[in-house]
Amino acid sequence: MASPALSDPLQRYPVFRTTDPDEFRNALLTRFGAIRADVKHRSSLRAMGNLVQLQDLGLVYGACNFGALVDYPEGDRFRLLTAMTGKCEATIGRNKVTIDGRQSCIISPGQSTGLAVEGSHDWLNIRINSCALERKLACLLGARPNGRFEFEAAVDRNHPQLQNLWRLVRFFAEQLDAACDPLPTAVLYELEEAILVAFLYANPHTFSHLLDRKARDTVPSHVRLAEQYIEAHWDRAIGIESLVEETGVGARAIFRSFRKTRGYSPMAFARMVRLKEARKQLSAPNAETSVTKVAFACGFGNLGHFARDYRKAFGERPSETLARTAGTSPR
């Protein structure tokens, strides 16, 4: 894949421009989260870095005319590292990944990384809040799947879906750099959301097979019947017995099919349906609307559990949704 066709991207968001190796090293340690940074040659250095951090997405551009050794600790974000020019070897645990014109690298949360960059180089990297990406995955699948969410470290830059992702990123960076008035907040949010979705489809991860199944909708009819029943009866107590009666399939078969084709249980799907209904009610309140009333109406008997699950699903507390839509302060 060709390198992203951008000249000095994110130039409206400079972090440093320097010929001083110590200043370059300090910027990597203090602004970019490194725990070790060494420049291979200290004379005639030219280095620069740009960074824009939005709600859930960060874009980073860096360039240097010499190689460097940089170590990063375990982080809480997903990071896609892409070389526009130059070459690097990334060490992630015991694995080594080459970053060059053919291949990018993804660092998942909880993974420490060492980068050995060869010679002159420039990079355009993506940083994504892990909770936001997990919420987007749950939204696409219907509920949060079971298991650790992790991406394959090596990414083929010639994959069509990755090229789609980079077209979005290039457009986003160009809009951020535009000299005209900044994009409205709502537009920035929608572009972020589009990049998160493209990121999930472009890069192989532990739940890619579930996204592929969801897109093709090749699931057993009894799974679809169970989901339709849950969506139609979200305001009632839903037991496994009612799903057995509705689908004509045994309980074990229902749970097994949900795990295989959806990655979660019927009860996890029901919880997400109720959370979405609660968000709908909190987003269109009347004078009588309260978090407590909505929680109970949507089948949540424990307010603490409701608030925890709601924040995990949507990134904010129920009271914050209500306050934002009602024009009041959260309580």
Foldseek 3Di string as FASTA:
>chain_A
DAFQPDDPFQVVFWDDWDLAQVVVQVCCVPVVAWPDKDWPDNPPKTKTKGWDDDDFKIKIKIWIQTKMKTKHAAAQKKKKKAWNAFKKWKCWPPDIEIHHRFKIFIDHGPIIIMITTHGTTMIMMMIGRPLVLQLLVCVLLLFRFDDDKDFDTIAGCPQPLNVVLSVLVSVLRCQSPDPDDHDDPVVNVVSVSVSSVSVLQRTHIPCNQLSVCSVVVPADPLQVQLLVVLLVPQQDDDDLVVSCVRRVDDSVVQQVRCCVRRRDGSVRSSLSSLLVVLLVDLLPDDPPDDNVVSCVRRPHPDSVVSQVVNCSNPVDGSQVNNCVNVVHDRD
